[in-house]
Amino acid sequence: MFELVIHNLHAGITGKEILRGVNLTIKQGEVHALMGPNGTGKSTLAYALMGHPAYEITEGEVWYKEQNILELEPDARSHLGVFLAFQYPVSIPGVSVANFLRTAVNAQRKALDAEDKSISIPEFRKMLIEKMDMLKMDHNFAGRYLNDGFSGGEKKRAEVLQMAVMKPEIAIMDETDSGLDIDALRIVSEGVNTLRGPELGVLLITHYQRILNYIKPDFVHILLDGRIVESGGPDLALHLEEQGYDWLREKADPIVV
């Protein structure tokens, strides 16, 4: 069983420190929900973990498969089995969902075995159809240009399809519920629950309790002012929904005397 271990992570952008010592361990088979208000560093954590070049790591380590992945390029982190589902997926006109996914699969296979001859088109088509059927997706979806003209729900379903095809061991989902109505949220959540299992660990970043009504977390963490100030079970999210964040402020900014 693999685990992603974040130790004392400090990170920022354009000289401003945003993460101020994050510690968190995510194991395969676990779903961790990370909650917090706007501007507290949730998306910064996601981008820092995947190596976004705009974010500067000033201190700390992130260990996965006996490597500090902060020393690796983003594609190398992906090839190790770490996946990021974006809050705002980019549209790529002219590139179909199927072609994008086959290119990604071949890149992953090549990284693992330089002599790999790439997945054949018939083999890939069979695999893609199996994954789409598993996620209850229309086969026509594969022929559309990636995220081009997609609704918010379709963009997030495309991210879940990428997860199904790439089979990561650790998936970071950055505000998957952002911009979704109730029906789209339910459909996307069903897709995530279909992929959930002992081989997949998930860090689910969200503002709201509502997605946790569909995707039940094993652990809930509260990120406030760049640090995780409280951790607990699913009931913590319900308490947060009722009480807000004020009761946690002293933990985020302790009084020094």
C-alpha atoms as a PDB file:
ATOM      1  CA  MET A   1       0.000   0.000   0.000  1.00  0.00           C
ATOM      2  CA  PHE A   2       1.397   3.377  -1.045  1.00  0.00           C
ATOM      3  CA  GLU A   3       0.982   6.617   0.865  1.00  0.00           C
ATOM      4  CA  LEU A   4       1.588  10.278   0.096  1.00  0.00           C
ATOM      5  CA  VAL A   5       3.288  11.944   3.067  1.00  0.00           C
ATOM      6  CA  ILE A   6       3.288  15.754   3.211  1.00  0.00           C
ATOM      7  CA  HIS A   7       5.705  17.072   5.836  1.00  0.00           C
ATOM      8  CA  ASN A   8       5.972  20.723   6.923  1.00  0.00           C
ATOM      9  CA  LEU A   9       5.121  22.046   3.458  1.00  0.00           C
ATOM     10  CA  HIS A  10       5.586  25.774   2.932  1.00  0.00           C
ATOM     11  CA  ALA A  11       4.711  27.250  -0.451  1.00  0.00           C
ATOM     12  CA  GLY A  12       3.655  30.507  -2.053  1.00  0.00           C
ATOM     13  CA  ILE A  13       3.348  32.514  -5.231  1.00  0.00           C
ATOM     14  CA  THR A  14       4.976  35.784  -6.334  1.00  0.00           C
ATOM     15  CA  GLY A  15       6.792  36.061  -3.018  1.00  0.00           C
ATOM     16  CA  LYS A  16       3.693  35.617  -0.838  1.00  0.00           C
ATOM     17  CA  GLU A  17       3.696  32.625   1.510  1.00  0.00           C
ATOM     18  CA  ILE A  18       0.370  30.783   1.428  1.00  0.00           C
ATOM     19  CA  LEU A  19       1.072  27.350   2.914  1.00  0.00           C
ATOM     20  CA  ARG A  20       2.720  27.644   6.314  1.00  0.00           C
ATOM     21  CA  GLY A  21       3.600  24.114   7.384  1.00  0.00           C
ATOM     22  CA  VAL A  22       1.089  21.554   6.071  1.00  0.00           C
ATOM     23  CA  ASN A  23       1.356  18.003   7.417  1.00  0.00           C
ATOM     24  CA  LEU A  24      -0.875  15.281   5.986  1.00  0.00           C
ATOM     25  CA  THR A  25      -0.658  11.597   5.052  1.00  0.00           C
ATOM     26  CA  ILE A  26      -2.972  10.060   2.452  1.00  0.00           C
ATOM     27  CA  LYS A  27      -2.969   6.285   1.993  1.00  0.00           C
ATOM     28  CA  GLN A  28      -4.397   4.193  -0.804  1.00  0.00           C
ATOM     29  CA  GLY A  29      -7.969   3.243  -0.008  1.00  0.00           C
ATOM     30  CA  GLU A  30      -8.652   6.401   2.016  1.00  0.00           C
ATOM     31  CA  VAL A  31     -10.735   9.450   1.104  1.00  0.00           C
ATOM     32  CA  HIS A  32      -9.613  12.680   2.791  1.00  0.00           C
ATOM     33  CA  ALA A  33     -11.744  15.813   2.510  1.00  0.00           C
ATOM     34  CA  LEU A  34      -9.873  19.122   2.804  1.00  0.00           C
ATOM     35  CA  MET A  35     -12.083  22.088   3.641  1.00  0.00           C
ATOM     36  CA  GLY A  36     -11.475  25.757   4.265  1.00  0.00           C
ATOM     37  CA  PRO A  37     -12.556  29.262   3.223  1.00  0.00           C
ATOM     38  CA  ASN A  38     -11.405  31.068   0.072  1.00  0.00           C
ATOM     39  CA  GLY A  39      -7.765  32.110   0.034  1.00  0.00           C
ATOM     40  CA  THR A  40      -6.600  29.721   2.723  1.00  0.00           C
ATOM     41  CA  GLY A  41      -4.377  27.630   0.437  1.00  0.00           C
ATOM     42  CA  LYS A  42      -6.442  24.629  -0.694  1.00  0.00           C
ATOM     43  CA  SER A  43      -5.751  25.009  -4.416  1.00  0.00           C
ATOM     44  CA  THR A  44      -2.178  26.106  -3.662  1.00  0.00           C
ATOM     45  CA  LEU A  45      -1.673  22.742  -1.970  1.00  0.00           C
ATOM     46  CA  ALA A  46      -3.053  20.903  -5.008  1.00  0.00           C
ATOM     47  CA  TYR A  47      -0.824  22.805  -7.437  1.00  0.00           C
ATOM     48  CA  ALA A  48       2.238  22.522  -5.212  1.00  0.00           C
ATOM     49  CA  LEU A  49       1.808  18.758  -4.974  1.00  0.00           C
ATOM     50  CA  MET A  50       1.675  18.425  -8.751  1.00  0.00           C
ATOM     51  CA  GLY A  51       4.527  20.862  -9.476  1.00  0.00           C
ATOM     52  CA  HIS A  52       2.841  23.929 -10.963  1.00  0.00           C
ATOM     53  CA  PRO A  53       5.775  26.184 -11.943  1.00  0.00           C
ATOM     54  CA  ALA A  54       4.156  29.352 -10.585  1.00  0.00           C
ATOM     55  CA  TYR A  55       4.228  28.027  -7.021  1.00  0.00           C
ATOM     56  CA  GLU A  56       7.469  28.155  -5.055  1.00  0.00           C
ATOM     57  CA  ILE A  57       8.239  25.558  -2.406  1.00  0.00           C
ATOM     58  CA  THR A  58      10.233  27.222   0.365  1.00  0.00           C
ATOM     59  CA  GLU A  59      10.341  24.403   2.910  1.00  0.00           C
ATOM     60  CA  GLY A  60       9.166  20.849   3.480  1.00  0.00           C
ATOM     61  CA  GLU A  61       9.000  17.509   1.721  1.00  0.00           C
ATOM     62  CA  VAL A  62       6.403  15.327  -0.003  1.00  0.00           C
ATOM     63  CA  TRP A  63       7.276  11.627  -0.013  1.00  0.00           C
ATOM     64  CA  TYR A  64       5.723   9.043  -2.299  1.00  0.00           C
ATOM     65  CA  LYS A  65       7.152   5.664  -3.268  1.00  0.00           C
ATOM     66  CA  GLU A  66      10.382   6.463  -1.412  1.00  0.00           C
ATOM     67  CA  GLN A  67      10.941   9.672  -3.388  1.00  0.00           C
ATOM     68  CA  ASN A  68      10.590  13.330  -2.475  1.00  0.00           C
ATOM     69  CA  ILE A  69       8.359  14.196  -5.415  1.00  0.00           C
ATOM     70  CA  LEU A  70       9.049  17.914  -4.993  1.00  0.00           C
ATOM     71  CA  GLU A  71      12.304  17.156  -6.787  1.00  0.00           C
ATOM     72  CA  LEU A  72      10.441  15.715  -9.811  1.00  0.00           C
ATOM     73  CA  GLU A  73       8.836  17.355 -12.847  1.00  0.00           C
ATOM     74  CA  PRO A  74       5.012  17.279 -13.018  1.00  0.00           C
ATOM     75  CA  ASP A  75       4.946  14.529 -15.650  1.00  0.00           C
ATOM     76  CA  ALA A  76       7.221  12.339 -13.510  1.00  0.00           C
ATOM     77  CA  ARG A  77       4.867  12.782 -10.550  1.00  0.00           C
ATOM     78  CA  SER A  78       1.985  11.706 -12.765  1.00  0.00           C
ATOM     79  CA  HIS A  79       3.880   8.666 -14.013  1.00  0.00           C
ATOM     80  CA  LEU A  80       4.436   7.649 -10.383  1.00  0.00           C
ATOM     81  CA  GLY A  81       0.667   7.488  -9.910  1.00  0.00           C
ATOM     82  CA  VAL A  82      -0.357  10.945  -8.641  1.00  0.00           C
ATOM     83  CA  PHE A  83      -3.270  12.621 -10.452  1.00  0.00           C
ATOM     84  CA  LEU A  84      -4.782  16.114 -10.294  1.00  0.00           C
ATOM     85  CA  ALA A  85      -8.385  16.807 -11.308  1.00  0.00           C
ATOM     86  CA  PHE A  86      -8.577  20.532 -12.018  1.00  0.00           C
ATOM     87  CA  GLN A  87     -11.113  22.960 -10.635  1.00  0.00           C
ATOM     88  CA  TYR A  88     -11.229  24.670 -14.044  1.00  0.00           C
ATOM     89  CA  PRO A  89     -10.250  22.126 -16.741  1.00  0.00           C
ATOM     90  CA  VAL A  90      -8.780  23.674 -19.897  1.00  0.00           C
ATOM     91  CA  SER A  91     -10.539  23.330 -23.260  1.00  0.00           C
ATOM     92  CA  ILE A  92      -8.499  21.877 -26.124  1.00  0.00           C
ATOM     93  CA  PRO A  93     -10.356  22.435 -29.412  1.00  0.00           C
ATOM     94  CA  GLY A  94      -9.389  19.991 -32.147  1.00  0.00           C
ATOM     95  CA  VAL A  95      -8.261  17.234 -29.768  1.00  0.00           C
ATOM     96  CA  SER A  96     -10.870  14.600 -29.040  1.00  0.00           C
ATOM     97  CA  VAL A  97     -11.312  13.092 -25.598  1.00  0.00           C
ATOM     98  CA  ALA A  98     -10.291   9.703 -27.006  1.00  0.00           C
ATOM     99  CA  ASN A  99      -7.109  10.998 -28.675  1.00  0.00           C
ATOM    100  CA  PHE A 100      -6.119  12.925 -25.573  1.00  0.00           C
ATOM    101  CA  LEU A 101      -6.555   9.883 -23.359  1.00  0.00           C
ATOM    102  CA  ARG A 102      -4.708   7.531 -25.731  1.00  0.00           C
ATOM    103  CA  THR A 103      -1.787   9.967 -25.863  1.00  0.00           C
ATOM    104  CA  ALA A 104      -1.739  10.139 -22.056  1.00  0.00           C
ATOM    105  CA  VAL A 105      -1.853   6.347 -21.716  1.00  0.00           C
ATOM    106  CA  ASN A 106       1.012   5.927 -24.179  1.00  0.00           C
ATOM    107  CA  ALA A 107       3.102   8.554 -22.375  1.00  0.00           C
ATOM    108  CA  GLN A 108       2.554   6.747 -19.094  1.00  0.00           C
ATOM    109  CA  ARG A 109       3.438   3.353 -20.594  1.00  0.00           C
ATOM    110  CA  LYS A 110       6.572   4.774 -22.216  1.00  0.00           C
ATOM    111  CA  ALA A 111       7.694   6.274 -18.921  1.00  0.00           C
ATOM    112  CA  LEU A 112       7.369   2.891 -17.225  1.00  0.00           C
ATOM    113  CA  ASP A 113       8.987   0.958 -20.092  1.00  0.00           C
ATOM    114  CA  ALA A 114      11.071   2.714 -22.736  1.00  0.00           C
ATOM    115  CA  GLU A 115      10.612  -0.281 -25.055  1.00  0.00           C
ATOM    116  CA  ASP A 116       6.813  -0.156 -24.905  1.00  0.00           C
ATOM    117  CA  LYS A 117       5.215  -0.168 -28.367  1.00  0.00           C
ATOM    118  CA  SER A 118       2.146   1.861 -27.315  1.00  0.00           C
ATOM    119  CA  ILE A 119      -1.381   0.644 -26.877  1.00  0.00           C
ATOM    120  CA  SER A 120      -3.078  -0.408 -30.114  1.00  0.00           C
ATOM    121  CA  ILE A 121      -6.164   1.447 -31.270  1.00  0.00           C
ATOM    122  CA  PRO A 122      -8.468  -1.607 -30.920  1.00  0.00           C
ATOM    123  CA  GLU A 123      -7.127  -2.359 -27.431  1.00  0.00           C
ATOM    124  CA  PHE A 124      -7.517   1.258 -26.367  1.00  0.00           C
ATOM    125  CA  ARG A 125     -11.033   1.524 -27.817  1.00  0.00           C
ATOM    126  CA  LYS A 126     -12.105  -1.608 -25.917  1.00  0.00           C
ATOM    127  CA  MET A 127     -10.652  -0.276 -22.672  1.00  0.00           C
ATOM    128  CA  LEU A 128     -12.172   3.183 -23.121  1.00  0.00           C
ATOM    129  CA  ILE A 129     -15.637   1.762 -23.810  1.00  0.00           C
ATOM    130  CA  GLU A 130     -15.366  -0.404 -20.694  1.00  0.00           C
ATOM    131  CA  LYS A 131     -14.491   2.618 -18.574  1.00  0.00           C
ATOM    132  CA  MET A 132     -17.275   4.733 -20.058  1.00  0.00           C
ATOM    133  CA  ASP A 133     -19.798   1.972 -19.478  1.00  0.00           C
ATOM    134  CA  MET A 134     -18.578   1.653 -15.892  1.00  0.00           C
ATOM    135  CA  LEU A 135     -19.148   5.403 -15.426  1.00  0.00           C
ATOM    136  CA  LYS A 136     -22.474   5.298 -17.337  1.00  0.00           C
ATOM    137  CA  MET A 137     -21.214   7.711 -20.001  1.00  0.00           C
ATOM    138  CA  ASP A 138     -22.484   8.021 -23.581  1.00  0.00           C
ATOM    139  CA  HIS A 139     -19.909   6.643 -26.030  1.00  0.00           C
ATOM    140  CA  ASN A 140     -20.278   9.773 -28.184  1.00  0.00           C
ATOM    141  CA  PHE A 141     -18.506  11.686 -25.420  1.00  0.00           C
ATOM    142  CA  ALA A 142     -15.184  10.194 -26.569  1.00  0.00           C
ATOM    143  CA  GLY A 143     -15.428  11.856 -29.980  1.00  0.00           C
ATOM    144  CA  ARG A 144     -15.991  15.387 -28.669  1.00  0.00           C
ATOM    145  CA  TYR A 145     -13.156  17.887 -28.396  1.00  0.00           C
ATOM    146  CA  LEU A 146     -11.769  17.931 -24.862  1.00  0.00           C
ATOM    147  CA  ASN A 147     -13.813  20.323 -22.681  1.00  0.00           C
ATOM    148  CA  ASP A 148     -14.704  22.408 -25.766  1.00  0.00           C
ATOM    149  CA  GLY A 149     -18.274  23.557 -25.246  1.00  0.00           C
ATOM    150  CA  PHE A 150     -18.667  21.241 -22.268  1.00  0.00           C
ATOM    151  CA  SER A 151     -20.959  22.138 -19.404  1.00  0.00           C
ATOM    152  CA  GLY A 152     -19.448  22.320 -15.932  1.00  0.00           C
ATOM    153  CA  GLY A 153     -20.698  18.829 -15.182  1.00  0.00           C
ATOM    154  CA  GLU A 154     -19.300  17.423 -18.433  1.00  0.00           C
ATOM    155  CA  LYS A 155     -15.877  18.897 -17.712  1.00  0.00           C
ATOM    156  CA  LYS A 156     -15.797  17.238 -14.310  1.00  0.00           C
ATOM    157  CA  ARG A 157     -17.023  13.941 -15.759  1.00  0.00           C
ATOM    158  CA  ALA A 158     -14.168  14.133 -18.262  1.00  0.00           C
ATOM    159  CA  GLU A 159     -11.764  14.463 -15.318  1.00  0.00           C
ATOM    160  CA  VAL A 160     -13.279  11.388 -13.677  1.00  0.00           C
ATOM    161  CA  LEU A 161     -12.963   9.496 -16.970  1.00  0.00           C
ATOM    162  CA  GLN A 162      -9.276  10.440 -17.049  1.00  0.00           C
ATOM    163  CA  MET A 163      -8.939   8.980 -13.564  1.00  0.00           C
ATOM    164  CA  ALA A 164     -10.606   5.767 -14.673  1.00  0.00           C
ATOM    165  CA  VAL A 165      -8.315   5.409 -17.688  1.00  0.00           C
ATOM    166  CA  MET A 166      -5.034   6.489 -16.039  1.00  0.00           C
ATOM    167  CA  LYS A 167      -5.686   4.512 -12.831  1.00  0.00           C
ATOM    168  CA  PRO A 168      -3.749   6.712 -10.381  1.00  0.00           C
ATOM    169  CA  GLU A 169      -3.031   5.515  -6.861  1.00  0.00           C
ATOM    170  CA  ILE A 170      -3.416   8.992  -5.345  1.00  0.00           C
ATOM    171  CA  ALA A 171      -5.942  11.445  -6.825  1.00  0.00           C
ATOM    172  CA  ILE A 172      -6.128  15.113  -5.833  1.00  0.00           C
ATOM    173  CA  MET A 173      -9.514  16.573  -6.739  1.00  0.00           C
ATOM    174  CA  ASP A 174      -9.495  20.365  -6.594  1.00  0.00           C
ATOM    175  CA  GLU A 175     -13.019  21.635  -5.865  1.00  0.00           C
ATOM    176  CA  THR A 176     -14.707  19.079  -8.091  1.00  0.00           C
ATOM    177  CA  ASP A 177     -18.077  20.428  -6.957  1.00  0.00           C
ATOM    178  CA  SER A 178     -17.325  23.979  -8.166  1.00  0.00           C
ATOM    179  CA  GLY A 179     -19.926  25.221 -10.645  1.00  0.00           C
ATOM    180  CA  LEU A 180     -22.087  22.086 -10.526  1.00  0.00           C
ATOM    181  CA  ASP A 181     -25.826  22.004 -10.006  1.00  0.00           C
ATOM    182  CA  ILE A 182     -27.371  19.277  -7.860  1.00  0.00           C
ATOM    183  CA  ASP A 183     -27.924  16.815 -10.709  1.00  0.00           C
ATOM    184  CA  ALA A 184     -24.391  17.246 -12.085  1.00  0.00           C
ATOM    185  CA  LEU A 185     -22.928  16.938  -8.587  1.00  0.00           C
ATOM    186  CA  ARG A 186     -24.744  13.654  -8.035  1.00  0.00           C
ATOM    187  CA  ILE A 187     -23.622  12.219 -11.385  1.00  0.00           C
ATOM    188  CA  VAL A 188     -19.975  13.223 -10.889  1.00  0.00           C
ATOM    189  CA  SER A 189     -20.007  11.893  -7.332  1.00  0.00           C
ATOM    190  CA  GLU A 190     -21.370   8.567  -8.547  1.00  0.00           C
ATOM    191  CA  GLY A 191     -18.411   8.374 -10.912  1.00  0.00           C
ATOM    192  CA  VAL A 192     -15.928   9.008  -8.107  1.00  0.00           C
ATOM    193  CA  ASN A 193     -17.629   6.425  -5.909  1.00  0.00           C
ATOM    194  CA  THR A 194     -17.405   3.890  -8.743  1.00  0.00           C
ATOM    195  CA  LEU A 195     -13.615   4.336  -8.826  1.00  0.00           C
ATOM    196  CA  ARG A 196     -13.279   4.325  -5.060  1.00  0.00           C
ATOM    197  CA  GLY A 197     -11.524   1.288  -3.636  1.00  0.00           C
ATOM    198  CA  PRO A 198      -8.459  -0.114  -1.913  1.00  0.00           C
ATOM    199  CA  GLU A 199      -6.096   0.923  -4.714  1.00  0.00           C
ATOM    200  CA  LEU A 200      -7.130   4.601  -4.847  1.00  0.00           C
ATOM    201  CA  GLY A 201      -6.445   7.283  -2.260  1.00  0.00           C
ATOM    202  CA  VAL A 202      -8.298  10.591  -2.712  1.00  0.00           C
ATOM    203  CA  LEU A 203      -7.710  14.124  -1.452  1.00  0.00           C
ATOM    204  CA  LEU A 204     -11.057  15.829  -2.068  1.00  0.00           C
ATOM    205  CA  ILE A 205     -10.757  19.617  -1.809  1.00  0.00           C
ATOM    206  CA  THR A 206     -14.036  21.433  -1.250  1.00  0.00           C
ATOM    207  CA  HIS A 207     -15.700  24.467   0.323  1.00  0.00           C
ATOM    208  CA  TYR A 208     -18.980  22.794   1.155  1.00  0.00           C
ATOM    209  CA  GLN A 209     -20.506  19.851   2.961  1.00  0.00           C
ATOM    210  CA  ARG A 210     -22.854  19.064   0.064  1.00  0.00           C
ATOM    211  CA  ILE A 211     -20.446  16.913  -1.985  1.00  0.00           C
ATOM    212  CA  LEU A 212     -19.656  14.961   1.185  1.00  0.00           C
ATOM    213  CA  ASN A 213     -23.292  13.882   1.255  1.00  0.00           C
ATOM    214  CA  TYR A 214     -22.480  11.858  -1.879  1.00  0.00           C
ATOM    215  CA  ILE A 215     -18.780  11.014  -1.399  1.00  0.00           C
ATOM    216  CA  LYS A 216     -18.353   9.896   2.197  1.00  0.00           C
ATOM    217  CA  PRO A 217     -14.870  10.774   3.467  1.00  0.00           C
ATOM    218  CA  ASP A 218     -12.884   8.718   5.934  1.00  0.00           C
ATOM    219  CA  PHE A 219     -11.190  11.851   7.262  1.00  0.00           C
ATOM    220  CA  VAL A 220     -11.941  15.578   7.185  1.00  0.00           C
ATOM    221  CA  HIS A 221      -9.256  18.255   7.581  1.00  0.00           C
ATOM    222  CA  ILE A 222      -9.686  22.014   7.975  1.00  0.00           C
ATOM    223  CA  LEU A 223      -7.105  24.247   6.300  1.00  0.00           C
ATOM    224  CA  LEU A 224      -7.028  27.757   7.702  1.00  0.00           C
ATOM    225  CA  ASP A 225      -4.437  30.428   6.950  1.00  0.00           C
ATOM    226  CA  GLY A 226      -2.084  27.934   5.369  1.00  0.00           C
ATOM    227  CA  ARG A 227      -2.137  25.236   8.054  1.00  0.00           C
ATOM    228  CA  ILE A 228      -4.307  22.252   8.901  1.00  0.00           C
ATOM    229  CA  VAL A 229      -5.805  23.303  12.211  1.00  0.00           C
ATOM    230  CA  GLU A 230      -8.294  20.484  12.822  1.00  0.00           C
ATOM    231  CA  SER A 231      -8.785  16.889  11.659  1.00  0.00           C
ATOM    232  CA  GLY A 232     -11.533  14.404  12.364  1.00  0.00           C
ATOM    233  CA  GLY A 233     -14.167  12.157  10.879  1.00  0.00           C
ATOM    234  CA  PRO A 234     -17.169  13.004   8.666  1.00  0.00           C
ATOM    235  CA  ASP A 235     -18.952  14.700  11.593  1.00  0.00           C
ATOM    236  CA  LEU A 236     -16.350  17.471  11.513  1.00  0.00           C
ATOM    237  CA  ALA A 237     -17.727  18.681   8.162  1.00  0.00           C
ATOM    238  CA  LEU A 238     -21.251  18.787   9.603  1.00  0.00           C
ATOM    239  CA  HIS A 239     -20.031  20.765  12.598  1.00  0.00           C
ATOM    240  CA  LEU A 240     -18.262  23.182  10.262  1.00  0.00           C
ATOM    241  CA  GLU A 241     -21.441  23.624   8.240  1.00  0.00           C
ATOM    242  CA  GLU A 242     -23.290  24.611  11.406  1.00  0.00           C
ATOM    243  CA  GLN A 243     -20.634  26.694  13.173  1.00  0.00           C
ATOM    244  CA  GLY A 244     -18.478  28.193  10.397  1.00  0.00           C
ATOM    245  CA  TYR A 245     -14.757  28.810  10.877  1.00  0.00           C
ATOM    246  CA  ASP A 246     -14.630  31.312  13.732  1.00  0.00           C
ATOM    247  CA  TRP A 247     -14.151  28.675  16.436  1.00  0.00           C
ATOM    248  CA  LEU A 248     -10.950  27.572  14.676  1.00  0.00           C
ATOM    249  CA  ARG A 249      -9.293  30.974  14.403  1.00  0.00           C
ATOM    250  CA  GLU A 250      -7.264  30.639  17.588  1.00  0.00           C
ATOM    251  CA  LYS A 251      -5.713  27.435  16.278  1.00  0.00           C
ATOM    252  CA  ALA A 252      -4.777  29.121  13.009  1.00  0.00           C
ATOM    253  CA  ASP A 253      -3.305  32.209  14.664  1.00  0.00           C
ATOM    254  CA  PRO A 254      -2.321  31.361  18.254  1.00  0.00           C
ATOM    255  CA  ILE A 255      -1.774  34.250  20.613  1.00  0.00           C
ATOM    256  CA  VAL A 256       1.899  34.684  21.504  1.00  0.00           C
ATOM    257  CA  VAL A 257       2.568  35.993  25.041  1.00  0.00           C
END
